[in-house]
C-alpha atoms as a PDB file:
ATOM      1  CA  MET A   1      -3.702 -29.130  -1.869  1.00  0.00           C
ATOM      2  CA  PRO A   2      -6.949 -28.429  -3.755  1.00  0.00           C
ATOM      3  CA  ALA A   3      -7.218 -29.382  -7.405  1.00  0.00           C
ATOM      4  CA  PRO A   4      -5.944 -26.665  -9.761  1.00  0.00           C
ATOM      5  CA  TRP A   5      -8.203 -24.167 -11.411  1.00  0.00           C
ATOM      6  CA  THR A   6      -7.797 -21.739 -14.288  1.00  0.00           C
ATOM      7  CA  ILE A   7      -9.653 -18.539 -15.102  1.00  0.00           C
ATOM      8  CA  VAL A   8     -11.459 -18.601 -18.456  1.00  0.00           C
ATOM      9  CA  LYS A   9     -13.227 -15.947 -20.507  1.00  0.00           C
ATOM     10  CA  THR A  10     -16.939 -16.631 -21.076  1.00  0.00           C
ATOM     11  CA  GLY A  11     -18.002 -13.431 -22.852  1.00  0.00           C
ATOM     12  CA  ASN A  12     -17.315  -9.696 -23.014  1.00  0.00           C
ATOM     13  CA  VAL A  13     -15.213  -8.989 -19.925  1.00  0.00           C
ATOM     14  CA  SER A  14     -15.945  -6.126 -17.560  1.00  0.00           C
ATOM     15  CA  VAL A  15     -16.043  -5.466 -13.814  1.00  0.00           C
ATOM     16  CA  LYS A  16     -18.639  -4.198 -11.368  1.00  0.00           C
ATOM     17  CA  ARG A  17     -18.394  -3.039  -7.766  1.00  0.00           C
ATOM     18  CA  CYS A  18     -19.827  -5.377  -5.179  1.00  0.00           C
ATOM     19  CA  ASP A  19     -20.419  -5.653  -1.454  1.00  0.00           C
ATOM     20  CA  ILE A  20     -17.215  -6.843   0.143  1.00  0.00           C
ATOM     21  CA  ALA A  21     -19.135  -8.690   2.888  1.00  0.00           C
ATOM     22  CA  ARG A  22     -21.297 -10.775   0.556  1.00  0.00           C
ATOM     23  CA  PHE A  23     -19.002 -13.066  -1.377  1.00  0.00           C
ATOM     24  CA  PRO A  24     -20.376 -16.519  -2.176  1.00  0.00           C
ATOM     25  CA  ALA A  25     -18.514 -19.326  -0.426  1.00  0.00           C
ATOM     26  CA  GLN A  26     -17.550 -20.887  -3.751  1.00  0.00           C
ATOM     27  CA  SER A  27     -15.612 -18.091  -5.432  1.00  0.00           C
ATOM     28  CA  ILE A  28     -12.083 -17.071  -6.358  1.00  0.00           C
ATOM     29  CA  THR A  29     -10.756 -13.877  -4.773  1.00  0.00           C
ATOM     30  CA  ILE A  30      -7.686 -12.107  -6.122  1.00  0.00           C
ATOM     31  CA  LEU A  31      -5.949  -9.497  -3.969  1.00  0.00           C
ATOM     32  CA  LEU A  32      -4.071  -6.574  -5.524  1.00  0.00           C
ATOM     33  CA  LEU A  33      -1.101  -5.373  -3.471  1.00  0.00           C
ATOM     34  CA  GLY A  34       1.391  -2.685  -4.380  1.00  0.00           C
ATOM     35  CA  ALA A  35       2.948   0.646  -3.617  1.00  0.00           C
ATOM     36  CA  THR A  36       1.028   3.879  -4.084  1.00  0.00           C
ATOM     37  CA  GLY A  37       0.926   4.805  -7.784  1.00  0.00           C
ATOM     38  CA  SER A  38       2.019   1.356  -8.962  1.00  0.00           C
ATOM     39  CA  GLY A  39      -1.097   0.815 -11.076  1.00  0.00           C
ATOM     40  CA  LYS A  40      -3.475  -1.406  -9.076  1.00  0.00           C
ATOM     41  CA  SER A  41      -6.561   0.708  -9.763  1.00  0.00           C
ATOM     42  CA  SER A  42      -5.430   1.247 -13.372  1.00  0.00           C
ATOM     43  CA  PHE A  43      -5.385  -2.533 -13.783  1.00  0.00           C
ATOM     44  CA  ILE A  44      -9.032  -2.718 -12.702  1.00  0.00           C
ATOM     45  CA  GLU A  45      -9.950   0.220 -14.969  1.00  0.00           C
ATOM     46  CA  ALA A  46      -8.333  -1.574 -17.922  1.00  0.00           C
ATOM     47  CA  LEU A  47     -10.108  -4.827 -17.066  1.00  0.00           C
ATOM     48  CA  ALA A  48     -13.436  -2.972 -17.036  1.00  0.00           C
ATOM     49  CA  GLY A  49     -12.939  -2.149 -20.716  1.00  0.00           C
ATOM     50  CA  PRO A  50     -12.799   1.092 -22.713  1.00  0.00           C
ATOM     51  CA  ARG A  51     -16.556   1.693 -22.513  1.00  0.00           C
ATOM     52  CA  LYS A  52     -16.797   1.558 -18.718  1.00  0.00           C
ATOM     53  CA  LYS A  53     -15.073   4.266 -16.669  1.00  0.00           C
ATOM     54  CA  LEU A  54     -14.866   3.536 -12.958  1.00  0.00           C
ATOM     55  CA  GLY A  55     -12.990   6.713 -12.022  1.00  0.00           C
ATOM     56  CA  ILE A  56     -10.749   4.890  -9.546  1.00  0.00           C
ATOM     57  CA  SER A  57      -7.285   5.492 -11.052  1.00  0.00           C
ATOM     58  CA  GLY A  58      -5.702   8.870 -10.451  1.00  0.00           C
ATOM     59  CA  GLY A  59      -2.645   8.770 -12.683  1.00  0.00           C
ATOM     60  CA  THR A  60      -0.575  10.251  -9.848  1.00  0.00           C
ATOM     61  CA  PHE A  61       1.609   9.010  -7.008  1.00  0.00           C
ATOM     62  CA  GLU A  62      -1.085   9.894  -4.446  1.00  0.00           C
ATOM     63  CA  SER A  63      -3.145   6.936  -3.313  1.00  0.00           C
ATOM     64  CA  VAL A  64      -6.633   6.897  -4.858  1.00  0.00           C
ATOM     65  CA  THR A  65      -7.868   3.784  -3.032  1.00  0.00           C
ATOM     66  CA  LYS A  66      -8.366   4.649   0.649  1.00  0.00           C
ATOM     67  CA  ASP A  67     -10.085   1.444   1.720  1.00  0.00           C
ATOM     68  CA  ILE A  68     -10.493  -2.131   0.537  1.00  0.00           C
ATOM     69  CA  GLN A  69     -12.909  -2.345  -2.407  1.00  0.00           C
ATOM     70  CA  ALA A  70     -14.280  -5.469  -4.090  1.00  0.00           C
ATOM     71  CA  TYR A  71     -15.113  -5.960  -7.773  1.00  0.00           C
ATOM     72  CA  GLU A  72     -16.713  -8.892  -9.551  1.00  0.00           C
ATOM     73  CA  VAL A  73     -15.106  -9.789 -12.870  1.00  0.00           C
ATOM     74  CA  VAL A  74     -17.970 -10.159 -15.325  1.00  0.00           C
ATOM     75  CA  ASN A  75     -17.650 -12.993 -17.859  1.00  0.00           C
ATOM     76  CA  MET A  76     -14.449 -14.449 -16.414  1.00  0.00           C
ATOM     77  CA  LYS A  77     -14.945 -17.599 -14.356  1.00  0.00           C
ATOM     78  CA  ALA A  78     -12.714 -19.994 -12.459  1.00  0.00           C
ATOM     79  CA  ASN A  79     -12.879 -23.456 -13.998  1.00  0.00           C
ATOM     80  CA  TRP A  80     -12.307 -25.896 -11.130  1.00  0.00           C
ATOM     81  CA  SER A  81     -11.100 -29.304 -12.391  1.00  0.00           C
ATOM     82  CA  ASN A  82     -13.400 -28.987 -15.430  1.00  0.00           C
ATOM     83  CA  ILE A  83     -16.364 -29.546 -13.101  1.00  0.00           C
ATOM     84  CA  ASP A  84     -17.241 -26.448 -11.054  1.00  0.00           C
ATOM     85  CA  ILE A  85     -17.433 -22.905 -12.424  1.00  0.00           C
ATOM     86  CA  TRP A  86     -16.860 -20.229  -9.785  1.00  0.00           C
ATOM     87  CA  PRO A  87     -17.170 -16.420  -9.999  1.00  0.00           C
ATOM     88  CA  VAL A  88     -13.998 -14.322  -9.769  1.00  0.00           C
ATOM     89  CA  TYR A  89     -13.557 -11.263  -7.536  1.00  0.00           C
ATOM     90  CA  ILE A  90     -10.747  -8.712  -7.367  1.00  0.00           C
ATOM     91  CA  ILE A  91      -9.894  -6.879  -4.148  1.00  0.00           C
ATOM     92  CA  ASP A  92      -8.307  -3.448  -4.544  1.00  0.00           C
ATOM     93  CA  THR A  93      -6.288  -2.184  -1.567  1.00  0.00           C
ATOM     94  CA  PRO A  94      -4.714   1.099  -0.430  1.00  0.00           C
ATOM     95  CA  GLY A  95      -1.146   1.490  -1.631  1.00  0.00           C
ATOM     96  CA  PHE A  96       1.763   0.497   0.561  1.00  0.00           C
ATOM     97  CA  SER A  97       4.517   3.100   1.022  1.00  0.00           C
ATOM     98  CA  ASP A  98       1.840   5.807   0.975  1.00  0.00           C
ATOM     99  CA  ALA A  99       2.959   9.043   2.609  1.00  0.00           C
ATOM    100  CA  LYS A 100      -0.327   9.442   4.487  1.00  0.00           C
ATOM    101  CA  MET A 101      -1.292   5.881   5.414  1.00  0.00           C
ATOM    102  CA  ALA A 102       0.963   3.715   7.549  1.00  0.00           C
ATOM    103  CA  GLU A 103       1.518   0.050   6.629  1.00  0.00           C
ATOM    104  CA  VAL A 104      -0.056  -0.945   9.958  1.00  0.00           C
ATOM    105  CA  LYS A 105      -3.428   0.501   8.895  1.00  0.00           C
ATOM    106  CA  ILE A 106      -3.355  -1.349   5.560  1.00  0.00           C
ATOM    107  CA  VAL A 107      -2.391  -4.651   7.223  1.00  0.00           C
ATOM    108  CA  LYS A 108      -5.254  -4.175   9.709  1.00  0.00           C
ATOM    109  CA  LYS A 109      -7.709  -3.622   6.842  1.00  0.00           C
ATOM    110  CA  LEU A 110      -6.518  -6.790   5.085  1.00  0.00           C
ATOM    111  CA  ASP A 111      -6.641  -8.838   8.268  1.00  0.00           C
ATOM    112  CA  LYS A 112     -10.148  -7.596   9.093  1.00  0.00           C
ATOM    113  CA  TRP A 113     -11.344  -8.278   5.565  1.00  0.00           C
ATOM    114  CA  GLU A 114     -10.019 -11.848   5.445  1.00  0.00           C
ATOM    115  CA  LYS A 115     -11.588 -12.685   8.811  1.00  0.00           C
ATOM    116  CA  LYS A 116     -14.922 -11.532   7.407  1.00  0.00           C
ATOM    117  CA  SER A 117     -14.676 -13.067   3.920  1.00  0.00           C
ATOM    118  CA  GLY A 118     -12.914 -16.355   4.627  1.00  0.00           C
ATOM    119  CA  ARG A 119      -9.810 -16.471   2.426  1.00  0.00           C
ATOM    120  CA  ILE A 120      -7.845 -14.881  -0.379  1.00  0.00           C
ATOM    121  CA  THR A 121      -7.205 -17.273  -3.218  1.00  0.00           C
ATOM    122  CA  ASP A 122      -4.628 -15.464  -5.303  1.00  0.00           C
ATOM    123  CA  THR A 123      -2.488 -12.343  -5.211  1.00  0.00           C
ATOM    124  CA  ARG A 124      -1.441  -9.946  -7.958  1.00  0.00           C
ATOM    125  CA  VAL A 125       1.381  -7.568  -7.012  1.00  0.00           C
ATOM    126  CA  PRO A 126       2.203  -4.605  -9.288  1.00  0.00           C
ATOM    127  CA  GLY A 127       6.000  -4.396  -9.332  1.00  0.00           C
ATOM    128  CA  SER A 128       7.752  -2.337  -6.661  1.00  0.00           C
ATOM    129  CA  ALA A 129      10.832  -2.622  -4.462  1.00  0.00           C
ATOM    130  CA  TRP A 130      12.295  -4.450  -1.479  1.00  0.00           C
ATOM    131  CA  GLY A 131       9.908  -2.935   1.063  1.00  0.00           C
ATOM    132  CA  LEU A 132       6.906  -4.569  -0.598  1.00  0.00           C
ATOM    133  CA  LEU A 133       8.776  -7.865  -0.855  1.00  0.00           C
ATOM    134  CA  ASN A 134       9.341  -7.755   2.904  1.00  0.00           C
ATOM    135  CA  ILE A 135       5.618  -7.225   3.420  1.00  0.00           C
ATOM    136  CA  ILE A 136       4.773 -10.168   1.173  1.00  0.00           C
ATOM    137  CA  ASN A 137       7.282 -12.345   3.029  1.00  0.00           C
ATOM    138  CA  SER A 138       5.804 -11.357   6.386  1.00  0.00           C
ATOM    139  CA  PHE A 139       2.366 -12.568   5.233  1.00  0.00           C
ATOM    140  CA  GLY A 140       3.767 -16.103   4.816  1.00  0.00           C
ATOM    141  CA  MET A 141       1.802 -16.706   1.616  1.00  0.00           C
ATOM    142  CA  ASN A 142       2.181 -19.496  -0.914  1.00  0.00           C
ATOM    143  CA  PRO A 143       4.307 -18.241  -3.857  1.00  0.00           C
ATOM    144  CA  GLY A 144       2.205 -20.389  -6.181  1.00  0.00           C
ATOM    145  CA  GLY A 145      -0.595 -17.846  -5.792  1.00  0.00           C
ATOM    146  CA  LEU A 146       1.612 -14.821  -6.523  1.00  0.00           C
ATOM    147  CA  VAL A 147       1.838 -12.853  -9.769  1.00  0.00           C
ATOM    148  CA  VAL A 148       4.147  -9.832  -9.960  1.00  0.00           C
ATOM    149  CA  VAL A 149       2.627  -7.367 -12.431  1.00  0.00           C
ATOM    150  CA  THR A 150       5.033  -4.781 -13.843  1.00  0.00           C
ATOM    151  CA  SER A 151       3.342  -1.638 -15.136  1.00  0.00           C
ATOM    152  CA  MET A 152       4.022   1.527 -17.183  1.00  0.00           C
ATOM    153  CA  TRP A 153       4.837  -0.458 -20.339  1.00  0.00           C
ATOM    154  CA  ASP A 154       2.400   1.727 -22.267  1.00  0.00           C
ATOM    155  CA  LYS A 155       4.669   4.705 -21.464  1.00  0.00           C
ATOM    156  CA  VAL A 156       7.749   3.125 -23.077  1.00  0.00           C
ATOM    157  CA  HIS A 157       8.326   4.231 -26.680  1.00  0.00           C
ATOM    158  CA  LYS A 158      11.959   5.148 -27.392  1.00  0.00           C
ATOM    159  CA  PRO A 159      14.462   2.294 -27.904  1.00  0.00           C
ATOM    160  CA  GLU A 160      16.767   3.463 -25.106  1.00  0.00           C
ATOM    161  CA  THR A 161      13.822   3.747 -22.708  1.00  0.00           C
ATOM    162  CA  LEU A 162      12.661   0.279 -23.687  1.00  0.00           C
ATOM    163  CA  ASN A 163      16.144  -1.116 -23.074  1.00  0.00           C
ATOM    164  CA  ARG A 164      16.185   0.368 -19.554  1.00  0.00           C
ATOM    165  CA  ALA A 165      12.694  -0.983 -18.873  1.00  0.00           C
ATOM    166  CA  GLU A 166      13.676  -4.463 -20.047  1.00  0.00           C
ATOM    167  CA  ALA A 167      16.817  -4.366 -17.894  1.00  0.00           C
ATOM    168  CA  ARG A 168      14.678  -3.391 -14.905  1.00  0.00           C
ATOM    169  CA  PHE A 169      12.250  -6.218 -15.675  1.00  0.00           C
ATOM    170  CA  PHE A 170      15.089  -8.761 -15.785  1.00  0.00           C
ATOM    171  CA  TYR A 171      16.446  -7.388 -12.496  1.00  0.00           C
ATOM    172  CA  LEU A 172      13.049  -7.827 -10.855  1.00  0.00           C
ATOM    173  CA  ARG A 173      12.754 -11.338 -12.278  1.00  0.00           C
ATOM    174  CA  ASP A 174      16.303 -12.555 -11.671  1.00  0.00           C
ATOM    175  CA  VAL A 175      17.164 -10.769  -8.412  1.00  0.00           C
ATOM    176  CA  ILE A 176      14.380  -9.198  -6.344  1.00  0.00           C
ATOM    177  CA  TRP A 177      11.622 -11.762  -6.979  1.00  0.00           C
ATOM    178  CA  LYS A 178      13.849 -14.699  -7.965  1.00  0.00           C
ATOM    179  CA  ASP A 179      13.189 -16.845  -4.872  1.00  0.00           C
ATOM    180  CA  LYS A 180       9.423 -16.433  -5.203  1.00  0.00           C
ATOM    181  CA  ILE A 181       9.511 -17.202  -8.938  1.00  0.00           C
ATOM    182  CA  ASP A 182      11.607 -20.318  -8.319  1.00  0.00           C
ATOM    183  CA  GLN A 183       8.852 -21.429  -5.915  1.00  0.00           C
ATOM    184  CA  GLY A 184       6.055 -20.954  -8.447  1.00  0.00           C
ATOM    185  CA  ALA A 185       5.310 -17.224  -8.694  1.00  0.00           C
ATOM    186  CA  ARG A 186       5.035 -15.463 -12.061  1.00  0.00           C
ATOM    187  CA  ILE A 187       6.165 -12.055 -13.308  1.00  0.00           C
ATOM    188  CA  VAL A 188       4.318 -10.424 -16.215  1.00  0.00           C
ATOM    189  CA  LYS A 189       4.062  -7.157 -18.156  1.00  0.00           C
ATOM    190  CA  PHE A 190       0.860  -5.104 -17.918  1.00  0.00           C
ATOM    191  CA  LYS A 191       0.448  -2.885 -20.996  1.00  0.00           C
ATOM    192  CA  ASN A 192      -2.530  -0.934 -19.606  1.00  0.00           C
ATOM    193  CA  THR A 193      -4.964  -2.422 -22.124  1.00  0.00           C
ATOM    194  CA  HIS A 194      -8.141  -4.441 -21.770  1.00  0.00           C
ATOM    195  CA  SER A 195      -6.613  -7.485 -23.476  1.00  0.00           C
ATOM    196  CA  SER A 196      -3.440  -7.311 -21.358  1.00  0.00           C
ATOM    197  CA  ALA A 197      -5.440  -7.287 -18.112  1.00  0.00           C
ATOM    198  CA  ILE A 198      -7.492 -10.293 -19.263  1.00  0.00           C
ATOM    199  CA  GLU A 199      -4.364 -12.195 -20.270  1.00  0.00           C
ATOM    200  CA  ILE A 200      -2.781 -11.608 -16.845  1.00  0.00           C
ATOM    201  CA  LEU A 201      -5.831 -12.950 -15.033  1.00  0.00           C
ATOM    202  CA  ALA A 202      -6.081 -16.083 -17.145  1.00  0.00           C
ATOM    203  CA  GLY A 203      -4.169 -19.287 -16.525  1.00  0.00           C
ATOM    204  CA  GLN A 204      -3.178 -18.956 -12.866  1.00  0.00           C
ATOM    205  CA  GLU A 205      -3.383 -22.021 -10.644  1.00  0.00           C
ATOM    206  CA  TYR A 206      -4.752 -22.115  -7.119  1.00  0.00           C
ATOM    207  CA  GLY A 207      -2.935 -20.131  -4.419  1.00  0.00           C
ATOM    208  CA  SER A 208      -3.402 -20.582  -0.682  1.00  0.00           C
ATOM    209  CA  SER A 209      -4.733 -18.149   1.879  1.00  0.00           C
ATOM    210  CA  LEU A 210      -2.719 -14.940   2.166  1.00  0.00           C
ATOM    211  CA  PHE A 211      -2.483 -14.753   5.971  1.00  0.00           C
ATOM    212  CA  MET A 212      -0.993 -17.653   7.918  1.00  0.00           C
ATOM    213  CA  ASP A 213      -1.657 -15.870  11.228  1.00  0.00           C
ATOM    214  CA  SER A 214      -3.785 -12.911  12.240  1.00  0.00           C
ATOM    215  CA  PHE A 215      -2.026  -9.609  12.773  1.00  0.00           C
ATOM    216  CA  ASN A 216      -1.246  -9.097  16.472  1.00  0.00           C
ATOM    217  CA  ARG A 217       0.346  -5.868  17.697  1.00  0.00           C
ATOM    218  CA  ARG A 218       1.356  -7.433  20.988  1.00  0.00           C
ATOM    219  CA  GLY A 219       3.119 -10.414  19.466  1.00  0.00           C
ATOM    220  CA  ASN A 220       6.557 -10.686  17.925  1.00  0.00           C
ATOM    221  CA  SER A 221       5.459 -11.774  14.456  1.00  0.00           C
ATOM    222  CA  ASP A 222       7.231 -10.636  11.301  1.00  0.00           C
ATOM    223  CA  ILE A 223       4.233  -8.475  10.399  1.00  0.00           C
ATOM    224  CA  ALA A 224       4.217  -6.753  13.811  1.00  0.00           C
ATOM    225  CA  ARG A 225       7.945  -6.005  13.571  1.00  0.00           C
ATOM    226  CA  LEU A 226       7.620  -4.753  10.009  1.00  0.00           C
ATOM    227  CA  VAL A 227       4.729  -2.358  10.627  1.00  0.00           C
ATOM    228  CA  TYR A 228       6.287  -1.126  13.885  1.00  0.00           C
ATOM    229  CA  THR A 229       9.550  -0.306  12.097  1.00  0.00           C
ATOM    230  CA  ASP A 230       7.565   1.415   9.365  1.00  0.00           C
ATOM    231  CA  LEU A 231       5.785   3.530  11.982  1.00  0.00           C
ATOM    232  CA  LEU A 232       9.102   4.590  13.532  1.00  0.00           C
ATOM    233  CA  HIS A 233      10.445   5.639  10.125  1.00  0.00           C
ATOM    234  CA  ARG A 234       7.267   7.558   9.363  1.00  0.00           C
ATOM    235  CA  ILE A 235       7.344   9.365  12.700  1.00  0.00           C
ATOM    236  CA  ALA A 236      11.004  10.291  12.241  1.00  0.00           C
ATOM    237  CA  ASN A 237      10.324  11.641   8.738  1.00  0.00           C
ATOM    238  CA  VAL A 238       7.242  13.605   9.813  1.00  0.00           C
ATOM    239  CA  ARG A 239       9.126  15.081  12.793  1.00  0.00           C
ATOM    240  CA  GLN A 240      11.833  16.336  10.453  1.00  0.00           C
ATOM    241  CA  GLU A 241       9.336  17.638   7.898  1.00  0.00           C
ATOM    242  CA  ARG A 242       7.221  19.285  10.588  1.00  0.00           C
ATOM    243  CA  GLN A 243      10.259  21.009  12.101  1.00  0.00           C
ATOM    244  CA  CYS A 244      11.172  22.527   8.733  1.00  0.00           C
ATOM    245  CA  TRP A 245       7.667  23.936   8.254  1.00  0.00           C
ATOM    246  CA  PHE A 246       7.570  25.177  11.831  1.00  0.00           C
ATOM    247  CA  GLU A 247      10.852  27.083  11.447  1.00  0.00           C
ATOM    248  CA  GLN A 248       9.509  28.734   8.284  1.00  0.00           C
ATOM    249  CA  ARG A 249       6.343  29.637  10.195  1.00  0.00           C
ATOM    250  CA  LEU A 250       8.438  31.366  12.885  1.00  0.00           C
ATOM    251  CA  GLN A 251      10.342  33.320  10.238  1.00  0.00           C
ATOM    252  CA  LEU A 252       7.081  34.531   8.704  1.00  0.00           C
ATOM    253  CA  VAL A 253       5.813  35.671  12.126  1.00  0.00           C
ATOM    254  CA  ALA A 254       8.945  37.787  12.550  1.00  0.00           C
ATOM    255  CA  ASP A 255       8.737  39.219   9.023  1.00  0.00           C
ATOM    256  CA  PRO A 256       7.324  42.795   9.118  1.00  0.00           C
ATOM    257  CA  ASP A 257       6.007  42.385   5.580  1.00  0.00           C
ATOM    258  CA  PRO A 258       5.106  38.675   5.239  1.00  0.00           C
ATOM    259  CA  ASN A 259       4.139  36.986   1.999  1.00  0.00           C
ATOM    260  CA  HIS A 260       0.551  35.973   2.779  1.00  0.00           C
ATOM    261  CA  GLU A 261       0.373  33.452  -0.066  1.00  0.00           C
ATOM    262  CA  LEU A 262       3.516  31.746   1.192  1.00  0.00           C
ATOM    263  CA  GLU A 263       2.225  31.940   4.766  1.00  0.00           C
ATOM    264  CA  GLY A 264      -0.975  30.164   3.768  1.00  0.00           C
ATOM    265  CA  ALA A 265       0.983  27.383   2.075  1.00  0.00           C
ATOM    266  CA  VAL A 266       3.279  26.961   5.099  1.00  0.00           C
ATOM    267  CA  VAL A 267       0.353  26.863   7.545  1.00  0.00           C
ATOM    268  CA  ALA A 268      -1.425  24.247   5.409  1.00  0.00           C
ATOM    269  CA  SER A 269       1.718  22.111   5.183  1.00  0.00           C
ATOM    270  CA  LEU A 270       2.314  22.382   8.925  1.00  0.00           C
ATOM    271  CA  LYS A 271      -1.281  21.351   9.604  1.00  0.00           C
ATOM    272  CA  ASP A 272      -0.902  18.377   7.284  1.00  0.00           C
ATOM    273  CA  ALA A 273       2.291  17.311   9.098  1.00  0.00           C
ATOM    274  CA  ASP A 274       0.528  17.632  12.461  1.00  0.00           C
ATOM    275  CA  GLU A 275      -2.337  15.440  11.241  1.00  0.00           C
ATOM    276  CA  GLN A 276       0.074  12.778   9.979  1.00  0.00           C
ATOM    277  CA  MET A 277       1.957  12.886  13.273  1.00  0.00           C
ATOM    278  CA  ALA A 278      -1.282  12.488  15.244  1.00  0.00           C
ATOM    279  CA  GLN A 279      -2.330   9.469  13.138  1.00  0.00           C
ATOM    280  CA  ASN A 280       1.060   7.784  13.496  1.00  0.00           C
ATOM    281  CA  ILE A 281       1.207   8.421  17.250  1.00  0.00           C
ATOM    282  CA  ALA A 282      -2.303   6.982  17.640  1.00  0.00           C
ATOM    283  CA  GLU A 283      -1.209   3.788  15.877  1.00  0.00           C
ATOM    284  CA  LEU A 284       2.032   3.606  17.875  1.00  0.00           C
ATOM    285  CA  ALA A 285       0.122   3.977  21.148  1.00  0.00           C
ATOM    286  CA  LYS A 286      -1.669   0.690  20.427  1.00  0.00           C
ATOM    287  CA  PHE A 287       1.641  -1.159  20.770  1.00  0.00           C
ATOM    288  CA  ARG A 288       2.245  -1.837  24.464  1.00  0.00           C
ATOM    289  CA  GLN A 289       5.886  -2.570  23.800  1.00  0.00           C
ATOM    290  CA  SER A 290       8.288  -2.723  20.881  1.00  0.00           C
ATOM    291  CA  PRO A 291       8.087  -6.011  18.918  1.00  0.00           C
ATOM    292  CA  VAL A 292      11.572  -5.313  17.520  1.00  0.00           C
ATOM    293  CA  PRO A 293      14.464  -7.028  19.372  1.00  0.00           C
ATOM    294  CA  ASP A 294      16.895  -4.693  21.139  1.00  0.00           C
ATOM    295  CA  ALA A 295      19.766  -3.987  18.740  1.00  0.00           C
ATOM    296  CA  GLY A 296      22.082  -3.013  21.593  1.00  0.00           C
ATOM    297  CA  ASP A 297      22.816   0.371  20.005  1.00  0.00           C
ATOM    298  CA  GLY A 298      21.439   2.424  22.889  1.00  0.00           C
ATOM    299  CA  VAL A 299      18.453   3.660  20.862  1.00  0.00           C
ATOM    300  CA  ASN A 300      15.223   3.664  22.862  1.00  0.00           C
ATOM    301  CA  ASP A 301      12.430   2.386  20.617  1.00  0.00           C
ATOM    302  CA  ASP A 302       9.884   1.952  23.416  1.00  0.00           C
ATOM    303  CA  PRO A 303       6.571   3.323  22.072  1.00  0.00           C
ATOM    304  CA  ARG A 304       5.828   5.316  25.240  1.00  0.00           C
ATOM    305  CA  ALA A 305       9.215   7.025  25.143  1.00  0.00           C
ATOM    306  CA  ILE A 306       8.830   7.931  21.458  1.00  0.00           C
ATOM    307  CA  ILE A 307       5.323   9.311  21.986  1.00  0.00           C
ATOM    308  CA  TYR A 308       6.556  11.397  24.927  1.00  0.00           C
ATOM    309  CA  GLN A 309       9.410  12.811  22.830  1.00  0.00           C
ATOM    310  CA  CYS A 310       7.022  13.774  20.020  1.00  0.00           C
ATOM    311  CA  LEU A 311       4.462  15.421  22.306  1.00  0.00           C
ATOM    312  CA  HIS A 312       7.184  17.194  24.300  1.00  0.00           C
ATOM    313  CA  GLU A 313       8.689  18.551  21.089  1.00  0.00           C
ATOM    314  CA  MET A 314       5.310  19.816  19.861  1.00  0.00           C
ATOM    315  CA  THR A 315       4.624  21.452  23.256  1.00  0.00           C
ATOM    316  CA  LEU A 316       7.953  23.305  23.143  1.00  0.00           C
ATOM    317  CA  ASP A 317       7.177  24.446  19.597  1.00  0.00           C
ATOM    318  CA  CYS A 318       3.865  25.893  20.791  1.00  0.00           C
ATOM    319  CA  GLU A 319       5.695  27.821  23.504  1.00  0.00           C
ATOM    320  CA  ARG A 320       8.222  29.126  20.957  1.00  0.00           C
ATOM    321  CA  PHE A 321       5.406  30.223  18.653  1.00  0.00           C
ATOM    322  CA  VAL A 322       3.624  32.139  21.442  1.00  0.00           C
ATOM    323  CA  GLN A 323       6.903  33.815  22.417  1.00  0.00           C
ATOM    324  CA  ALA A 324       7.526  34.812  18.796  1.00  0.00           C
ATOM    325  CA  ILE A 325       4.077  36.418  18.542  1.00  0.00           C
ATOM    326  CA  GLU A 326       4.533  38.279  21.851  1.00  0.00           C
ATOM    327  CA  PHE A 327       7.946  39.539  20.772  1.00  0.00           C
ATOM    328  CA  ASN A 328       6.533  40.729  17.464  1.00  0.00           C
ATOM    329  CA  PHE A 329       3.755  42.673  19.204  1.00  0.00           C
ATOM    330  CA  GLU A 330       6.211  44.291  21.622  1.00  0.00           C
ATOM    331  CA  ALA A 331       8.465  45.315  18.770  1.00  0.00           C
END
């Protein structure tokens, strides 16, 4: 195990974007993981300081970060055994549990980035639920390099709201993340201020590389099983959502006096569902077989069978739509 290091402030702290492929070999890299809207980009905005606006946090539950982005932390350095002083970098990532980006795509981005850059030294995780914990567990990382960052504390003002927030914090600490904390992880409160972001970065000891093994679709690793299951859930949800929009589209075709504003919204939503379905099917097609063990429940989770079902369903919908238009013209 390498000698411990701590991050120290050497001047006025800010951040600046940098080329993700050009990290110096002697540097500390901190990875931000979290669900969409959990506050990863807001953390970087706060760290940049009030006078520097990066425009990377959206303040919504839609993911702002679409790809992995690197930032150098200006005037915060890693003090290695009181001898070496290394620069510190933060890696912002797309949000997990995003409606429009499957976990498999995010894992691929992380895997590709680490192969290029060498290693990830430490991980900050804005607080979220069990799904993210499963992802962290599947990475096989050292808990000593993990910090769970709870956010939205700047939104808490009323006493009753504060009490609920504190109860939630204790639940995260004592239940959800307990095993990781017992093994060396930390859980902290981010108050969406410059000083709070600096305080969270400071004082963490060395954490090992995030990935123990590279992501392999054709293997039976925990990561492969997790992202495959996520894909199946996403496809099932999009199929259901798409079917609802499609049925509304058929009703509008049959309506002699359709609401054109509503029709435009339905068409746009149906197109969005089709695009999500196409992306998920494309990712599923890269799995030659299911990495999930057969549960013996009779459910066929073979990727080829699922893709066939989806495409067959969409083909039948096209036929129904053409028939509806022809019937409307004849009437």
